[in-house]
């Protein structure tokens, strides 16, 4: 899967996870938020989420540990 971490209107990071067939640029155009903090590819493995890569045209880089923690928190059972 691909992902973007965006800053919401209150300044909090919010993950958006989407299929690999959807380009980061196309997803960016659909989001109402201003600042993109990071992005790349995400996989879920035995040790949790693994974030990697980036997107050159948007100037994005994955922040492996930080992005994985944000995604895990957003998807945790409440």
PDB file of N, CA and C in Angstrom:
ATOM      1  N   UNK A   1       0.846  -1.171   0.000  1.00  0.00           N
ATOM      2  CA  UNK A   1       0.000   0.000   0.000  1.00  0.00           C
ATOM      3  C   UNK A   1       0.897   1.241   0.000  1.00  0.00           C
ATOM      4  N   UNK A   2       0.344   2.342  -0.493  1.00  0.00           N
ATOM      5  CA  UNK A   2       1.005   3.640  -0.412  1.00  0.00           C
ATOM      6  C   UNK A   2       0.409   4.412   0.754  1.00  0.00           C
ATOM      7  N   UNK A   3       1.128   5.428   1.189  1.00  0.00           N
ATOM      8  CA  UNK A   3       0.583   6.268   2.257  1.00  0.00           C
ATOM      9  C   UNK A   3       1.089   7.698   2.136  1.00  0.00           C
ATOM     10  N   UNK A   4       0.321   8.599   2.705  1.00  0.00           N
ATOM     11  CA  UNK A   4       0.716   9.985   2.929  1.00  0.00           C
ATOM     12  C   UNK A   4       0.408  10.305   4.384  1.00  0.00           C
ATOM     13  N   UNK A   5       1.283  11.047   5.019  1.00  0.00           N
ATOM     14  CA  UNK A   5       1.010  11.591   6.347  1.00  0.00           C
ATOM     15  C   UNK A   5       0.810  13.086   6.137  1.00  0.00           C
ATOM     16  N   UNK A   6      -0.362  13.586   6.497  1.00  0.00           N
ATOM     17  CA  UNK A   6      -0.687  15.002   6.317  1.00  0.00           C
ATOM     18  C   UNK A   6      -0.940  15.638   7.680  1.00  0.00           C
ATOM     19  N   UNK A   7      -0.806  16.940   7.709  1.00  0.00           N
ATOM     20  CA  UNK A   7      -1.107  17.685   8.929  1.00  0.00           C
ATOM     21  C   UNK A   7      -2.548  18.169   8.841  1.00  0.00           C
ATOM     22  N   UNK A   8      -3.366  17.802   9.839  1.00  0.00           N
ATOM     23  CA  UNK A   8      -4.761  18.237   9.804  1.00  0.00           C
ATOM     24  C   UNK A   8      -4.862  19.684  10.270  1.00  0.00           C
ATOM     25  N   UNK A   9      -6.075  20.197  10.340  1.00  0.00           N
ATOM     26  CA  UNK A   9      -6.283  21.603  10.646  1.00  0.00           C
ATOM     27  C   UNK A   9      -5.904  21.972  12.078  1.00  0.00           C
ATOM     28  N   UNK A  10      -5.764  20.970  12.948  1.00  0.00           N
ATOM     29  CA  UNK A  10      -5.335  21.238  14.326  1.00  0.00           C
ATOM     30  C   UNK A  10      -3.840  20.985  14.513  1.00  0.00           C
ATOM     31  N   UNK A  11      -3.140  20.658  13.416  1.00  0.00           N
ATOM     32  CA  UNK A  11      -1.699  20.447  13.478  1.00  0.00           C
ATOM     33  C   UNK A  11      -1.275  19.028  13.801  1.00  0.00           C
ATOM     34  N   UNK A  12      -2.222  18.099  13.827  1.00  0.00           N
ATOM     35  CA  UNK A  12      -1.924  16.702  14.147  1.00  0.00           C
ATOM     36  C   UNK A  12      -1.650  15.907  12.873  1.00  0.00           C
ATOM     37  N   UNK A  13      -0.708  14.949  12.922  1.00  0.00           N
ATOM     38  CA  UNK A  13      -0.444  14.123  11.748  1.00  0.00           C
ATOM     39  C   UNK A  13      -1.541  13.084  11.545  1.00  0.00           C
ATOM     40  N   UNK A  14      -1.990  12.953  10.307  1.00  0.00           N
ATOM     41  CA  UNK A  14      -3.060  12.016   9.963  1.00  0.00           C
ATOM     42  C   UNK A  14      -2.594  11.156   8.787  1.00  0.00           C
ATOM     43  N   UNK A  15      -2.671   9.818   8.915  1.00  0.00           N
ATOM     44  CA  UNK A  15      -2.255   8.973   7.794  1.00  0.00           C
ATOM     45  C   UNK A  15      -3.393   8.701   6.818  1.00  0.00           C
ATOM     46  N   UNK A  16      -3.051   8.644   5.548  1.00  0.00           N
ATOM     47  CA  UNK A  16      -3.956   8.195   4.494  1.00  0.00           C
ATOM     48  C   UNK A  16      -3.258   7.043   3.801  1.00  0.00           C
ATOM     49  N   UNK A  17      -3.898   5.879   3.804  1.00  0.00           N
ATOM     50  CA  UNK A  17      -3.343   4.675   3.199  1.00  0.00           C
ATOM     51  C   UNK A  17      -4.207   4.333   1.992  1.00  0.00           C
ATOM     52  N   UNK A  18      -3.556   4.033   0.873  1.00  0.00           N
ATOM     53  CA  UNK A  18      -4.287   3.803  -0.359  1.00  0.00           C
ATOM     54  C   UNK A  18      -3.543   2.786  -1.225  1.00  0.00           C
ATOM     55  N   UNK A  19      -4.226   2.178  -2.198  1.00  0.00           N
ATOM     56  CA  UNK A  19      -3.614   1.133  -3.027  1.00  0.00           C
ATOM     57  C   UNK A  19      -2.415   1.648  -3.829  1.00  0.00           C
ATOM     58  N   UNK A  20      -1.495   0.757  -4.113  1.00  0.00           N
ATOM     59  CA  UNK A  20      -0.303   1.120  -4.897  1.00  0.00           C
ATOM     60  C   UNK A  20      -0.663   1.620  -6.294  1.00  0.00           C
ATOM     61  N   UNK A  21      -1.780   1.194  -6.827  1.00  0.00           N
ATOM     62  CA  UNK A  21      -2.140   1.636  -8.185  1.00  0.00           C
ATOM     63  C   UNK A  21      -2.546   3.111  -8.226  1.00  0.00           C
ATOM     64  N   UNK A  22      -2.808   3.701  -7.056  1.00  0.00           N
ATOM     65  CA  UNK A  22      -3.124   5.127  -6.973  1.00  0.00           C
ATOM     66  C   UNK A  22      -1.823   5.872  -6.693  1.00  0.00           C
ATOM     67  N   UNK A  23      -1.513   6.839  -7.525  1.00  0.00           N
ATOM     68  CA  UNK A  23      -0.277   7.603  -7.393  1.00  0.00           C
ATOM     69  C   UNK A  23      -0.380   8.606  -6.238  1.00  0.00           C
ATOM     70  N   UNK A  24       0.752   8.876  -5.619  1.00  0.00           N
ATOM     71  CA  UNK A  24       0.787   9.848  -4.525  1.00  0.00           C
ATOM     72  C   UNK A  24       0.268  11.226  -4.970  1.00  0.00           C
ATOM     73  N   UNK A  25       0.637  11.641  -6.174  1.00  0.00           N
ATOM     74  CA  UNK A  25       0.175  12.943  -6.679  1.00  0.00           C
ATOM     75  C   UNK A  25      -1.338  12.985  -6.815  1.00  0.00           C
ATOM     76  N   UNK A  26      -1.918  11.903  -7.334  1.00  0.00           N
ATOM     77  CA  UNK A  26      -3.372  11.856  -7.494  1.00  0.00           C
ATOM     78  C   UNK A  26      -4.071  11.903  -6.144  1.00  0.00           C
ATOM     79  N   UNK A  27      -3.545  11.178  -5.168  1.00  0.00           N
ATOM     80  CA  UNK A  27      -4.153  11.202  -3.835  1.00  0.00           C
ATOM     81  C   UNK A  27      -3.999  12.583  -3.205  1.00  0.00           C
ATOM     82  N   UNK A  28      -2.853  13.210  -3.381  1.00  0.00           N
ATOM     83  CA  UNK A  28      -2.617  14.543  -2.812  1.00  0.00           C
ATOM     84  C   UNK A  28      -3.673  15.530  -3.294  1.00  0.00           C
ATOM     85  N   UNK A  29      -4.035  15.436  -4.544  1.00  0.00           N
ATOM     86  CA  UNK A  29      -5.037  16.349  -5.113  1.00  0.00           C
ATOM     87  C   UNK A  29      -6.406  16.174  -4.467  1.00  0.00           C
ATOM     88  N   UNK A  30      -6.681  15.004  -3.914  1.00  0.00           N
ATOM     89  CA  UNK A  30      -7.989  14.715  -3.328  1.00  0.00           C
ATOM     90  C   UNK A  30      -8.106  15.129  -1.867  1.00  0.00           C
ATOM     91  N   UNK A  31      -6.982  15.413  -1.217  1.00  0.00           N
ATOM     92  CA  UNK A  31      -6.995  15.685   0.223  1.00  0.00           C
ATOM     93  C   UNK A  31      -7.211  17.162   0.505  1.00  0.00           C
ATOM     94  N   UNK A  32      -8.054  17.468   1.482  1.00  0.00           N
ATOM     95  CA  UNK A  32      -8.347  18.864   1.795  1.00  0.00           C
ATOM     96  C   UNK A  32      -7.296  19.530   2.674  1.00  0.00           C
ATOM     97  N   UNK A  33      -6.289  18.784   3.098  1.00  0.00           N
ATOM     98  CA  UNK A  33      -5.300  19.316   4.028  1.00  0.00           C
ATOM     99  C   UNK A  33      -4.171  20.014   3.295  1.00  0.00           C
ATOM    100  N   UNK A  34      -3.507  20.927   3.984  1.00  0.00           N
ATOM    101  CA  UNK A  34      -2.448  21.721   3.370  1.00  0.00           C
ATOM    102  C   UNK A  34      -1.108  21.040   3.289  1.00  0.00           C
ATOM    103  N   UNK A  35      -0.511  20.755   4.422  1.00  0.00           N
ATOM    104  CA  UNK A  35       0.869  20.292   4.434  1.00  0.00           C
ATOM    105  C   UNK A  35       0.981  18.765   4.445  1.00  0.00           C
ATOM    106  N   UNK A  36       1.799  18.255   3.539  1.00  0.00           N
ATOM    107  CA  UNK A  36       2.132  16.835   3.508  1.00  0.00           C
ATOM    108  C   UNK A  36       3.443  16.681   4.265  1.00  0.00           C
ATOM    109  N   UNK A  37       3.448  15.825   5.277  1.00  0.00           N
ATOM    110  CA  UNK A  37       4.631  15.647   6.110  1.00  0.00           C
ATOM    111  C   UNK A  37       5.576  14.585   5.561  1.00  0.00           C
ATOM    112  N   UNK A  38       5.022  13.510   5.008  1.00  0.00           N
ATOM    113  CA  UNK A  38       5.842  12.427   4.473  1.00  0.00           C
ATOM    114  C   UNK A  38       4.963  11.494   3.657  1.00  0.00           C
ATOM    115  N   UNK A  39       5.599  10.519   3.029  1.00  0.00           N
ATOM    116  CA  UNK A  39       4.853   9.535   2.250  1.00  0.00           C
ATOM    117  C   UNK A  39       5.778   8.485   1.692  1.00  0.00           C
ATOM    118  N   UNK A  40       5.177   7.420   1.224  1.00  0.00           N
ATOM    119  CA  UNK A  40       5.950   6.321   0.660  1.00  0.00           C
ATOM    120  C   UNK A  40       5.085   5.093   0.543  1.00  0.00           C
ATOM    121  N   UNK A  41       5.697   3.948   0.838  1.00  0.00           N
ATOM    122  CA  UNK A  41       4.996   2.666   0.815  1.00  0.00           C
ATOM    123  C   UNK A  41       4.961   2.109   2.233  1.00  0.00           C
ATOM    124  N   UNK A  42       3.879   1.401   2.553  1.00  0.00           N
ATOM    125  CA  UNK A  42       3.754   0.795   3.881  1.00  0.00           C
ATOM    126  C   UNK A  42       3.313  -0.650   3.720  1.00  0.00           C
ATOM    127  N   UNK A  43       3.911  -1.498   4.539  1.00  0.00           N
ATOM    128  CA  UNK A  43       3.542  -2.910   4.592  1.00  0.00           C
ATOM    129  C   UNK A  43       3.339  -3.270   6.055  1.00  0.00           C
ATOM    130  N   UNK A  44       2.526  -4.284   6.296  1.00  0.00           N
ATOM    131  CA  UNK A  44       2.330  -4.774   7.659  1.00  0.00           C
ATOM    132  C   UNK A  44       2.962  -6.151   7.748  1.00  0.00           C
ATOM    133  N   UNK A  45       3.926  -6.286   8.633  1.00  0.00           N
ATOM    134  CA  UNK A  45       4.626  -7.552   8.800  1.00  0.00           C
ATOM    135  C   UNK A  45       4.498  -8.062  10.218  1.00  0.00           C
ATOM    136  N   UNK A  46       5.234  -9.097  10.544  1.00  0.00           N
ATOM    137  CA  UNK A  46       5.152  -9.701  11.871  1.00  0.00           C
ATOM    138  C   UNK A  46       5.558  -8.747  13.001  1.00  0.00           C
ATOM    139  N   UNK A  47       6.388  -7.771  12.683  1.00  0.00           N
ATOM    140  CA  UNK A  47       6.841  -6.820  13.710  1.00  0.00           C
ATOM    141  C   UNK A  47       6.106  -5.482  13.640  1.00  0.00           C
ATOM    142  N   UNK A  48       5.025  -5.416  12.882  1.00  0.00           N
ATOM    143  CA  UNK A  48       4.257  -4.174  12.778  1.00  0.00           C
ATOM    144  C   UNK A  48       4.385  -3.551  11.402  1.00  0.00           C
ATOM    145  N   UNK A  49       4.165  -2.261  11.334  1.00  0.00           N
ATOM    146  CA  UNK A  49       4.198  -1.537  10.063  1.00  0.00           C
ATOM    147  C   UNK A  49       5.628  -1.190   9.679  1.00  0.00           C
ATOM    148  N   UNK A  50       5.905  -1.282   8.383  1.00  0.00           N
ATOM    149  CA  UNK A  50       7.214  -0.928   7.838  1.00  0.00           C
ATOM    150  C   UNK A  50       6.976   0.101   6.741  1.00  0.00           C
ATOM    151  N   UNK A  51       7.541   1.291   6.925  1.00  0.00           N
ATOM    152  CA  UNK A  51       7.387   2.383   5.969  1.00  0.00           C
ATOM    153  C   UNK A  51       8.715   2.604   5.249  1.00  0.00           C
ATOM    154  N   UNK A  52       8.635   2.847   3.931  1.00  0.00           N
ATOM    155  CA  UNK A  52       9.852   3.034   3.145  1.00  0.00           C
ATOM    156  C   UNK A  52       9.554   3.899   1.929  1.00  0.00           C
ATOM    157  N   UNK A  53      10.620   4.289   1.250  1.00  0.00           N
ATOM    158  CA  UNK A  53      10.484   4.997  -0.017  1.00  0.00           C
ATOM    159  C   UNK A  53      10.168   6.465   0.140  1.00  0.00           C
ATOM    160  N   UNK A  54       9.418   6.967  -0.799  1.00  0.00           N
ATOM    161  CA  UNK A  54       9.070   8.374  -0.851  1.00  0.00           C
ATOM    162  C   UNK A  54       8.434   8.666  -2.197  1.00  0.00           C
ATOM    163  N   UNK A  55       8.426   9.923  -2.554  1.00  0.00           N
ATOM    164  CA  UNK A  55       7.886  10.332  -3.854  1.00  0.00           C
ATOM    165  C   UNK A  55       8.647  11.572  -4.285  1.00  0.00           C
ATOM    166  N   UNK A  56       9.520  11.421  -5.286  1.00  0.00           N
ATOM    167  CA  UNK A  56      10.424  12.491  -5.700  1.00  0.00           C
ATOM    168  C   UNK A  56       9.693  13.738  -6.187  1.00  0.00           C
ATOM    169  N   UNK A  57       8.653  13.577  -7.005  1.00  0.00           N
ATOM    170  CA  UNK A  57       7.980  14.735  -7.577  1.00  0.00           C
ATOM    171  C   UNK A  57       7.293  15.601  -6.528  1.00  0.00           C
ATOM    172  N   UNK A  58       6.841  14.973  -5.445  1.00  0.00           N
ATOM    173  CA  UNK A  58       6.240  15.741  -4.351  1.00  0.00           C
ATOM    174  C   UNK A  58       7.267  16.112  -3.286  1.00  0.00           C
ATOM    175  N   UNK A  59       8.492  15.665  -3.467  1.00  0.00           N
ATOM    176  CA  UNK A  59       9.540  15.962  -2.496  1.00  0.00           C
ATOM    177  C   UNK A  59       9.337  15.245  -1.166  1.00  0.00           C
ATOM    178  N   UNK A  60       8.754  14.054  -1.212  1.00  0.00           N
ATOM    179  CA  UNK A  60       8.442  13.322   0.009  1.00  0.00           C
ATOM    180  C   UNK A  60       9.461  12.238   0.286  1.00  0.00           C
ATOM    181  N   UNK A  61       9.722  12.035   1.561  1.00  0.00           N
ATOM    182  CA  UNK A  61      10.540  10.920   2.020  1.00  0.00           C
ATOM    183  C   UNK A  61       9.795  10.241   3.150  1.00  0.00           C
ATOM    184  N   UNK A  62       9.945   8.935   3.216  1.00  0.00           N
ATOM    185  CA  UNK A  62       9.376   8.192   4.339  1.00  0.00           C
ATOM    186  C   UNK A  62      10.212   8.472   5.583  1.00  0.00           C
ATOM    187  N   UNK A  63       9.538   8.532   6.712  1.00  0.00           N
ATOM    188  CA  UNK A  63      10.200   8.611   8.014  1.00  0.00           C
ATOM    189  C   UNK A  63       9.857   7.291   8.697  1.00  0.00           C
ATOM    190  N   UNK A  64      10.659   6.253   8.474  1.00  0.00           N
ATOM    191  CA  UNK A  64      10.264   4.891   8.837  1.00  0.00           C
ATOM    192  C   UNK A  64       9.688   4.724  10.244  1.00  0.00           C
ATOM    193  N   UNK A  65      10.394   5.105  11.256  1.00  0.00           N
ATOM    194  CA  UNK A  65       9.906   4.867  12.620  1.00  0.00           C
ATOM    195  C   UNK A  65       8.724   5.767  12.960  1.00  0.00           C
ATOM    196  N   UNK A  66       8.834   7.044  12.646  1.00  0.00           N
ATOM    197  CA  UNK A  66       7.779   7.997  12.991  1.00  0.00           C
ATOM    198  C   UNK A  66       6.483   7.708  12.235  1.00  0.00           C
ATOM    199  N   UNK A  67       6.581   7.450  10.937  1.00  0.00           N
ATOM    200  CA  UNK A  67       5.394   7.163  10.140  1.00  0.00           C
ATOM    201  C   UNK A  67       4.719   5.871  10.587  1.00  0.00           C
ATOM    202  N   UNK A  68       5.524   4.834  10.867  1.00  0.00           N
ATOM    203  CA  UNK A  68       4.960   3.562  11.325  1.00  0.00           C
ATOM    204  C   UNK A  68       4.211   3.749  12.644  1.00  0.00           C
ATOM    205  N   UNK A  69       4.737   4.571  13.539  1.00  0.00           N
ATOM    206  CA  UNK A  69       4.065   4.829  14.819  1.00  0.00           C
ATOM    207  C   UNK A  69       2.754   5.579  14.617  1.00  0.00           C
ATOM    208  N   UNK A  70       2.725   6.545  13.715  1.00  0.00           N
ATOM    209  CA  UNK A  70       1.502   7.307  13.432  1.00  0.00           C
ATOM    210  C   UNK A  70       0.433   6.391  12.851  1.00  0.00           C
ATOM    211  N   UNK A  71       0.822   5.526  11.913  1.00  0.00           N
ATOM    212  CA  UNK A  71      -0.133   4.600  11.299  1.00  0.00           C
ATOM    213  C   UNK A  71      -0.643   3.601  12.325  1.00  0.00           C
ATOM    214  N   UNK A  72       0.258   3.049  13.131  1.00  0.00           N
ATOM    215  CA  UNK A  72      -0.153   2.080  14.157  1.00  0.00           C
ATOM    216  C   UNK A  72      -1.129   2.707  15.148  1.00  0.00           C
ATOM    217  N   UNK A  73      -0.886   3.939  15.555  1.00  0.00           N
ATOM    218  CA  UNK A  73      -1.779   4.618  16.497  1.00  0.00           C
ATOM    219  C   UNK A  73      -3.149   4.854  15.874  1.00  0.00           C
ATOM    220  N   UNK A  74      -3.172   5.248  14.598  1.00  0.00           N
ATOM    221  CA  UNK A  74      -4.447   5.517  13.926  1.00  0.00           C
ATOM    222  C   UNK A  74      -5.273   4.245  13.773  1.00  0.00           C
ATOM    223  N   UNK A  75      -4.607   3.091  13.639  1.00  0.00           N
ATOM    224  CA  UNK A  75      -5.317   1.839  13.382  1.00  0.00           C
ATOM    225  C   UNK A  75      -5.484   0.962  14.626  1.00  0.00           C
ATOM    226  N   UNK A  76      -5.031   1.431  15.764  1.00  0.00           N
ATOM    227  CA  UNK A  76      -5.144   0.585  16.967  1.00  0.00           C
ATOM    228  C   UNK A  76      -6.602   0.433  17.386  1.00  0.00           C
ATOM    229  N   UNK A  77      -6.908  -0.670  18.029  1.00  0.00           N
ATOM    230  CA  UNK A  77      -8.250  -0.948  18.519  1.00  0.00           C
ATOM    231  C   UNK A  77      -8.525  -0.042  19.710  1.00  0.00           C
ATOM    232  N   UNK A  78      -9.667   0.622  19.674  1.00  0.00           N
ATOM    233  CA  UNK A  78     -10.018   1.536  20.776  1.00  0.00           C
ATOM    234  C   UNK A  78     -11.163   0.960  21.556  1.00  0.00           C
TER     235      UNK A  78
END
